[in-house]
N, C-alpha and C. Protein backbone atom coordinates (compact mmCIF):
# COMPACT_ATOMS: atom_id res chain seq x y z
N MET A 1 112.84 103.79 77.79
CA MET A 1 113.03 103.99 78.92
C MET A 1 113.38 102.25 79.82
N SER A 2 114.10 101.68 80.27
CA SER A 2 113.97 100.26 80.48
C SER A 2 114.04 100.67 82.15
N GLN A 3 112.87 99.59 82.49
CA GLN A 3 112.34 99.71 83.88
C GLN A 3 113.77 98.57 84.85
N GLU A 4 114.77 98.33 84.62
CA GLU A 4 115.66 97.83 85.17
C GLU A 4 116.36 99.04 85.23
N LYS A 5 116.90 100.02 84.17
CA LYS A 5 117.77 100.94 84.60
C LYS A 5 117.11 102.10 86.24
N LEU A 6 116.25 102.23 85.49
CA LEU A 6 115.44 102.86 86.70
C LEU A 6 115.19 102.21 88.03
N GLY A 7 115.44 100.73 88.03
CA GLY A 7 115.54 99.92 89.06
C GLY A 7 113.57 100.20 89.78
N VAL A 8 112.70 100.21 88.63
CA VAL A 8 111.32 100.23 89.37
C VAL A 8 110.88 98.76 89.81
N MET A 9 110.71 98.70 91.30
CA MET A 9 110.09 98.01 91.76
C MET A 9 109.18 96.74 91.09
N GLY A 10 109.32 95.35 91.33
CA GLY A 10 108.89 94.69 89.98
C GLY A 10 107.20 94.31 91.20
N SER A 11 107.18 94.60 92.89
CA SER A 11 105.75 94.48 93.20
C SER A 11 105.31 95.69 93.97
N VAL A 12 104.50 96.03 94.64
CA VAL A 12 104.00 97.34 95.73
C VAL A 12 103.73 96.57 97.05
N TYR A 13 103.99 97.23 97.40
CA TYR A 13 103.99 96.97 99.39
C TYR A 13 102.93 98.04 99.71
N GLN A 14 101.94 97.71 100.78
CA GLN A 14 101.13 98.42 101.14
C GLN A 14 101.35 98.65 102.68
N ARG A 15 101.75 99.87 103.55
CA ARG A 15 102.24 99.50 104.54
C ARG A 15 100.92 100.14 105.54
N LYS A 16 100.56 99.22 107.00
CA LYS A 16 99.23 99.13 107.48
C LYS A 16 99.75 100.51 108.93
N ARG A 17 98.62 101.20 109.16
CA ARG A 17 99.29 102.43 110.34
C ARG A 17 98.52 101.87 111.40
N SER A 18 99.36 101.07 112.43
CA SER A 18 98.80 100.79 113.70
C SER A 18 98.11 102.09 114.57
N VAL A 19 97.03 101.79 115.52
CA VAL A 19 96.66 102.80 116.41
C VAL A 19 97.60 102.83 117.50
N GLY A 20 98.26 103.77 117.72
CA GLY A 20 98.79 103.82 119.47
C GLY A 20 100.07 104.06 118.94
N THR A 21 100.80 104.00 118.05
CA THR A 21 102.13 103.20 118.15
C THR A 21 103.05 104.26 118.00
N ALA A 22 103.76 104.75 118.53
CA ALA A 22 104.92 106.00 118.68
C ALA A 22 105.75 106.11 117.39
N GLU A 23 105.92 107.03 117.13
CA GLU A 23 107.06 108.02 115.87
C GLU A 23 108.14 107.38 116.10
N HIS A 24 109.24 106.62 115.63
CA HIS A 24 110.46 106.72 115.61
C HIS A 24 111.06 107.11 114.82
N ARG A 25 111.10 108.32 114.27
CA ARG A 25 111.71 109.19 113.63
C ARG A 25 112.41 109.96 114.53
N LYS A 26 113.52 110.70 114.39
CA LYS A 26 114.10 111.83 115.38
C LYS A 26 113.78 113.17 115.18
N HIS A 27 113.07 113.59 113.95
CA HIS A 27 112.39 114.88 113.65
C HIS A 27 110.73 115.15 112.95
N TYR A 28 110.31 115.87 113.80
CA TYR A 28 109.11 115.81 113.52
C TYR A 28 108.92 116.23 111.94
N ARG A 29 107.86 115.17 111.12
CA ARG A 29 107.80 115.84 109.92
C ARG A 29 106.20 116.68 109.83
N HIS A 30 106.17 117.35 108.87
CA HIS A 30 105.14 118.46 109.52
C HIS A 30 104.19 118.07 108.05
N PRO A 31 102.88 117.98 108.23
CA PRO A 31 102.07 117.23 107.47
C PRO A 31 101.75 118.75 106.18
N ILE A 32 102.12 119.14 105.35
CA ILE A 32 102.71 119.91 104.22
C ILE A 32 102.73 119.49 103.10
N HIS A 33 101.66 120.43 102.01
CA HIS A 33 101.99 119.54 100.97
C HIS A 33 102.52 119.86 99.28
N TRP A 34 103.51 120.55 99.16
CA TRP A 34 103.99 121.19 98.83
C TRP A 34 104.36 121.01 97.29
N ARG A 35 104.35 121.23 96.29
CA ARG A 35 104.82 120.74 94.58
C ARG A 35 106.36 120.70 94.95
N ILE A 36 106.87 119.53 94.08
CA ILE A 36 108.03 118.70 94.06
C ILE A 36 108.55 118.67 92.56
N ALA A 37 109.60 118.55 92.44
CA ALA A 37 109.93 117.81 90.90
C ALA A 37 111.17 116.96 91.34
N LEU A 38 111.06 115.49 91.22
CA LEU A 38 112.41 114.82 91.24
C LEU A 38 113.11 114.19 90.01
N VAL A 39 114.30 114.61 89.83
CA VAL A 39 115.33 114.48 88.67
C VAL A 39 116.25 114.17 88.98
N HIS A 40 116.17 113.21 87.87
CA HIS A 40 117.29 111.52 88.32
C HIS A 40 118.21 111.48 86.63
N LYS A 41 119.06 111.70 87.08
CA LYS A 41 120.47 111.52 86.03
C LYS A 41 120.41 110.16 85.22
N ASN A 42 119.75 110.03 83.94
CA ASN A 42 120.23 108.68 83.19
C ASN A 42 120.30 108.82 82.20
N GLY A 43 122.23 108.43 82.21
CA GLY A 43 122.91 109.32 81.25
C GLY A 43 123.12 110.22 80.77
N ASP A 44 122.29 110.22 79.41
CA ASP A 44 122.37 111.82 78.95
C ASP A 44 121.66 112.78 79.44
N LYS A 45 120.70 112.54 79.78
CA LYS A 45 119.39 112.91 79.96
C LYS A 45 118.65 112.49 81.38
N ASN A 46 117.60 113.60 81.67
CA ASN A 46 117.24 113.89 82.88
C ASN A 46 116.28 113.10 82.89
N ASP A 47 115.41 112.25 83.71
CA ASP A 47 114.43 111.77 84.07
C ASP A 47 113.58 112.62 85.30
N ILE A 48 112.15 113.27 84.25
CA ILE A 48 111.63 114.34 85.76
C ILE A 48 110.50 113.93 85.99
N TYR A 49 109.90 113.42 87.30
CA TYR A 49 108.77 113.34 87.70
C TYR A 49 107.94 114.30 89.05
N HIS A 50 106.77 114.65 89.12
CA HIS A 50 106.40 115.81 89.32
C HIS A 50 105.65 115.32 90.62
N GLY A 51 105.46 115.72 91.83
CA GLY A 51 104.46 115.39 92.52
C GLY A 51 104.18 115.98 93.62
N ARG A 52 104.12 116.33 94.99
CA ARG A 52 104.10 116.79 96.76
C ARG A 52 104.73 115.96 97.51
N THR A 53 104.57 116.74 98.39
CA THR A 53 104.85 115.97 99.81
C THR A 53 104.01 115.88 100.41
N HIS A 54 104.15 114.65 100.87
CA HIS A 54 103.15 114.31 102.20
C HIS A 54 103.31 114.70 103.39
N ASP A 55 104.49 114.62 103.68
CA ASP A 55 105.04 115.26 105.02
C ASP A 55 106.71 115.36 104.55
N LEU A 56 107.00 116.49 105.41
CA LEU A 56 108.42 117.26 105.32
C LEU A 56 109.06 117.76 106.82
N SER A 57 109.92 117.29 106.95
CA SER A 57 111.08 117.97 107.61
C SER A 57 112.41 118.19 107.20
N VAL A 58 113.28 118.88 107.95
CA VAL A 58 115.06 119.31 107.13
C VAL A 58 115.72 118.16 106.90
N TRP A 59 115.39 117.26 107.24
CA TRP A 59 116.21 115.48 107.17
C TRP A 59 115.67 114.45 106.11
N GLY A 60 114.13 114.49 106.34
CA GLY A 60 113.66 114.47 104.61
C GLY A 60 112.21 114.05 104.70
N ALA A 61 111.62 113.50 103.69
CA ALA A 61 110.20 113.92 103.37
C ALA A 61 109.85 112.53 103.07
N SER A 62 108.28 112.21 103.15
CA SER A 62 107.50 111.43 101.89
C SER A 62 107.02 112.31 100.93
N ILE A 63 107.12 111.63 99.72
CA ILE A 63 106.49 112.45 98.86
C ILE A 63 105.75 111.35 98.02
N LEU A 64 104.19 112.12 97.58
CA LEU A 64 103.13 111.15 96.06
C LEU A 64 103.39 111.69 94.87
N VAL A 65 104.01 110.33 94.26
CA VAL A 65 103.41 110.44 92.55
C VAL A 65 103.45 109.62 92.00
N ASP A 66 103.16 110.10 90.85
CA ASP A 66 102.08 108.97 90.11
C ASP A 66 102.69 107.47 89.81
N HIS A 67 104.21 107.66 89.57
CA HIS A 67 104.57 106.63 89.18
C HIS A 67 105.64 105.87 90.14
N ASN A 68 105.76 104.65 89.84
CA ASN A 68 106.35 103.72 90.98
C ASN A 68 107.79 103.82 90.82
N ILE A 69 108.26 104.71 91.34
CA ILE A 69 110.02 104.44 90.75
C ILE A 69 110.74 104.36 91.99
N PHE A 70 111.69 103.85 92.15
CA PHE A 70 112.87 103.49 93.15
C PHE A 70 113.93 103.53 92.29
N VAL A 71 115.10 104.33 92.51
CA VAL A 71 116.41 104.27 92.49
C VAL A 71 118.03 104.41 93.50
N MET A 72 118.65 103.62 92.86
CA MET A 72 119.81 103.48 94.54
C MET A 72 120.36 104.82 94.33
N THR A 73 120.48 105.38 92.89
CA THR A 73 121.82 106.46 93.14
C THR A 73 121.35 107.65 93.56
N GLU A 74 122.16 108.75 93.86
CA GLU A 74 121.06 110.10 94.44
C GLU A 74 120.57 110.86 93.63
N VAL A 75 119.48 111.56 94.12
CA VAL A 75 118.66 112.14 92.74
C VAL A 75 118.62 113.29 93.05
N VAL A 76 117.71 114.71 92.11
CA VAL A 76 117.76 115.83 93.21
C VAL A 76 116.46 115.94 93.03
N MET A 77 116.03 116.57 94.51
CA MET A 77 114.63 116.81 94.61
C MET A 77 114.73 118.57 94.73
N LEU A 78 113.64 119.14 93.14
CA LEU A 78 113.14 120.54 93.72
C LEU A 78 112.21 120.75 94.45
N LEU A 79 112.53 121.75 95.41
CA LEU A 79 111.37 121.73 96.77
C LEU A 79 110.21 123.15 96.80
N ALA A 80 108.66 123.28 96.06
CA ALA A 80 108.61 124.82 95.50
C ALA A 80 108.15 124.90 96.90
N ILE A 81 108.48 126.38 97.50
CA ILE A 81 107.69 126.77 98.89
C ILE A 81 107.01 127.69 98.28
N PRO A 82 105.77 127.43 98.87
CA PRO A 82 104.99 128.63 98.49
C PRO A 82 105.47 130.10 99.54
N PRO A 83 105.39 131.38 98.48
CA PRO A 83 105.25 132.47 99.91
C PRO A 83 104.63 132.29 100.70
N LEU A 84 105.25 133.27 101.33
CA LEU A 84 104.09 133.67 102.63
C LEU A 84 103.37 134.53 102.73
N HIS A 85 103.29 135.17 101.66
CA HIS A 85 102.49 136.49 101.40
C HIS A 85 101.68 136.46 100.41
N PRO A 86 100.54 136.80 99.62
CA PRO A 86 100.49 137.09 98.19
C PRO A 86 100.90 137.69 97.12
N GLY A 87 100.98 137.32 96.33
CA GLY A 87 101.92 138.41 95.08
C GLY A 87 103.44 138.30 95.30
N LEU A 88 104.20 137.22 96.22
CA LEU A 88 105.55 136.84 96.17
C LEU A 88 105.65 136.02 95.73
N LYS A 89 106.79 135.53 94.83
CA LYS A 89 107.54 134.22 93.82
C LYS A 89 107.61 133.12 95.17
N GLU A 90 107.23 132.08 94.63
CA GLU A 90 107.68 130.63 95.27
C GLU A 90 109.03 130.68 95.53
N THR A 91 109.78 130.32 96.59
CA THR A 91 111.16 129.66 96.60
C THR A 91 111.81 128.34 96.31
N ILE A 92 111.99 127.99 95.12
CA ILE A 92 112.92 126.62 94.61
C ILE A 92 114.11 125.77 96.04
N VAL A 93 113.48 125.34 96.49
CA VAL A 93 114.91 124.73 97.19
C VAL A 93 115.27 123.39 96.01
N GLU A 94 117.08 123.00 96.60
CA GLU A 94 117.36 122.65 95.58
C GLU A 94 118.46 121.27 96.55
N ILE A 95 117.58 120.24 96.65
CA ILE A 95 118.38 119.01 97.52
C ILE A 95 118.54 117.79 96.84
N GLN A 96 120.23 117.26 97.45
CA GLN A 96 120.27 116.24 96.71
C GLN A 96 120.07 114.95 97.60
N CYS A 97 119.31 114.04 97.29
CA CYS A 97 118.46 112.74 98.23
C CYS A 97 118.68 111.60 97.64
N ARG A 98 118.50 110.48 98.97
CA ARG A 98 118.32 109.39 98.59
C ARG A 98 116.99 109.18 99.03
N MET A 99 116.29 107.75 98.05
CA MET A 99 115.47 107.30 97.78
C MET A 99 114.90 105.69 99.14
N ALA A 100 114.30 105.95 100.79
CA ALA A 100 114.48 105.20 101.04
C ALA A 100 112.92 103.85 100.55
N TYR A 101 112.31 104.41 100.72
CA TYR A 101 111.73 102.84 100.06
C TYR A 101 110.18 103.60 98.97
N THR A 102 109.38 102.49 98.04
CA THR A 102 108.30 103.17 97.61
C THR A 102 107.30 102.53 97.88
N ILE A 103 106.59 102.90 98.07
CA ILE A 103 104.92 101.78 98.24
C ILE A 103 103.69 102.75 97.65
N LEU A 104 102.91 101.88 97.67
CA LEU A 104 101.50 102.45 97.30
C LEU A 104 100.71 103.14 98.54
N ASP A 105 100.24 104.12 98.24
CA ASP A 105 99.66 104.44 99.14
C ASP A 105 97.75 104.48 98.84
N SER A 106 97.21 103.35 99.49
CA SER A 106 95.73 103.44 98.89
C SER A 106 94.95 105.07 99.29
N GLU A 107 95.42 105.51 100.61
CA GLU A 107 94.78 106.20 100.33
C GLU A 107 94.62 107.42 100.02
N GLN A 108 95.54 107.44 99.18
CA GLN A 108 96.35 108.34 98.11
C GLN A 108 95.70 108.29 96.77
N SER A 109 96.13 106.85 96.59
CA SER A 109 95.90 106.26 94.81
C SER A 109 97.23 106.83 94.30
N ARG A 110 98.74 107.37 94.72
CA ARG A 110 99.35 107.18 94.55
C ARG A 110 100.37 106.59 94.71
N PHE A 111 101.54 106.40 94.60
CA PHE A 111 103.07 105.91 95.08
C PHE A 111 103.85 106.89 96.02
N ARG A 112 103.87 106.33 97.29
CA ARG A 112 104.77 107.18 98.46
C ARG A 112 105.70 106.71 98.55
N ILE A 113 106.96 108.04 98.56
CA ILE A 113 108.65 107.25 98.30
C ILE A 113 108.89 108.40 99.54
N GLY A 114 109.55 107.15 100.30
CA GLY A 114 110.64 108.15 101.37
C GLY A 114 111.69 108.81 101.17
N ILE A 115 112.55 109.72 101.25
CA ILE A 115 113.28 110.50 100.73
C ILE A 115 113.68 110.53 101.93
N ARG A 116 115.45 110.80 101.88
CA ARG A 116 116.37 111.03 102.49
C ARG A 116 117.38 112.40 102.51
N PHE A 117 117.57 113.82 102.73
CA PHE A 117 118.06 114.49 102.42
C PHE A 117 119.54 114.52 102.52
N MET A 118 120.60 114.36 101.66
CA MET A 118 121.85 114.29 101.67
C MET A 118 122.24 115.80 101.79
N HIS A 119 122.25 116.80 101.06
CA HIS A 119 123.14 117.70 100.67
C HIS A 119 122.28 119.06 99.97
N PHE A 120 121.78 120.04 100.81
CA PHE A 120 121.17 121.31 100.27
C PHE A 120 122.19 122.07 99.52
N LYS A 121 121.82 122.81 98.33
CA LYS A 121 122.67 123.41 97.57
C LYS A 121 122.06 125.32 98.49
N GLY A 122 123.39 125.90 97.90
CA GLY A 122 123.79 126.84 99.05
C GLY A 122 122.86 127.19 100.75
N GLU A 123 121.99 127.90 100.61
CA GLU A 123 121.36 128.09 102.18
C GLU A 123 120.07 127.83 102.26
N GLY A 124 119.86 126.47 101.10
CA GLY A 124 118.44 125.96 101.45
C GLY A 124 118.07 125.20 102.68
N LYS A 125 119.57 124.58 103.16
CA LYS A 125 118.90 124.26 104.15
C LYS A 125 118.04 124.85 105.51
N ARG A 126 118.63 126.30 105.73
CA ARG A 126 118.48 127.23 106.51
C ARG A 126 117.26 127.88 106.15
N ILE A 127 116.68 128.54 104.63
CA ILE A 127 115.85 128.46 104.07
C ILE A 127 114.51 127.80 104.34
N LEU A 128 114.83 126.16 104.74
CA LEU A 128 113.29 125.23 104.97
C LEU A 128 113.15 125.33 106.43
N SER A 129 114.17 125.56 106.79
CA SER A 129 113.84 125.17 108.76
C SER A 129 112.90 126.82 109.08
N ASP A 130 114.11 127.89 108.80
CA ASP A 130 113.07 129.18 109.26
C ASP A 130 111.67 129.02 108.40
N ILE A 131 111.58 128.84 107.33
CA ILE A 131 109.74 128.75 106.78
C ILE A 131 109.32 127.56 107.47
N LEU A 132 109.57 126.49 107.78
CA LEU A 132 108.80 125.49 108.78
C LEU A 132 108.52 126.20 109.96
N SER A 133 109.37 126.73 110.56
CA SER A 133 109.01 127.19 111.77
C SER A 133 108.12 128.39 111.93
N LYS A 134 108.07 128.95 110.79
CA LYS A 134 107.49 130.29 110.82
C LYS A 134 105.95 129.66 110.71
N ARG A 135 105.81 128.39 109.24
CA ARG A 135 104.43 128.24 108.89
C ARG A 135 103.78 127.34 109.90
N VAL A 136 104.46 126.70 110.90
CA VAL A 136 103.86 125.22 111.54
C VAL A 136 103.61 125.08 112.62
N ILE A 137 102.07 124.99 113.14
CA ILE A 137 102.24 124.44 114.29
C ILE A 137 102.51 123.73 114.89
N PRO A 138 103.37 124.02 116.30
CA PRO A 138 104.35 122.99 117.06
C PRO A 138 103.81 121.56 117.07
N LYS A 139 104.07 120.42 117.09
CA LYS A 139 103.74 119.51 117.54
C LYS A 139 103.33 119.34 118.60
N PRO A 140 101.47 119.06 118.94
CA PRO A 140 101.17 118.60 120.35
C PRO A 140 102.14 117.41 121.19
N GLU A 141 101.82 117.69 122.41
CA GLU A 141 102.47 117.14 123.32
C GLU A 141 101.76 115.45 123.52
N PRO A 142 102.51 114.43 122.87
CA PRO A 142 101.62 113.00 123.33
C PRO A 142 100.75 113.25 124.25
N ARG A 143 99.93 112.52 123.68
CA ARG A 143 98.46 112.34 125.58
C ARG A 143 98.81 110.51 125.22
N PRO A 144 99.05 110.08 126.80
CA PRO A 144 98.72 108.24 126.51
C PRO A 144 97.28 108.05 126.36
N TYR A 145 97.45 107.00 125.48
CA TYR A 145 96.23 105.97 125.17
C TYR A 145 95.16 105.90 125.95
N GLY A 146 94.06 106.40 124.76
CA GLY A 146 92.85 106.84 125.72
C GLY A 146 92.57 107.73 126.55
N ALA A 147 93.44 108.80 126.61
CA ALA A 147 92.99 109.89 127.79
C ALA A 147 92.41 110.90 126.66
N GLU A 148 91.70 111.48 127.48
CA GLU A 148 90.69 113.09 126.58
C GLU A 148 91.82 113.70 127.41
């Protein structure tokens, strides 16, 4: 498989996090680490990359993978949602996505890919929204810098 066809980036960038900066996303990203598979149609075959979510909302995610990949075309993300109770099966949600960026996350020693969700298969969006609302502690209210 050629690197040109995949659109693999020739260089890797590292994003610095600034202390005290405001989050610019419209929707809160939950710090959840669920298994994922990215499926990229490459001619008559599928390239599959496995990883984990770094953070997640019903509108997008950042994921961690071992490969420096970036494609301009849509990809399919298979999100494996663990069961709420032991003994039950995980739920697989299929999502059409676009990649926004790929960077090296030096803290994780993996590549972090920003994903924007385009379309959910079936009831996937409702399922994800319901599960996130049941599992995650609501985002704390922001406090002024330096406040205790």
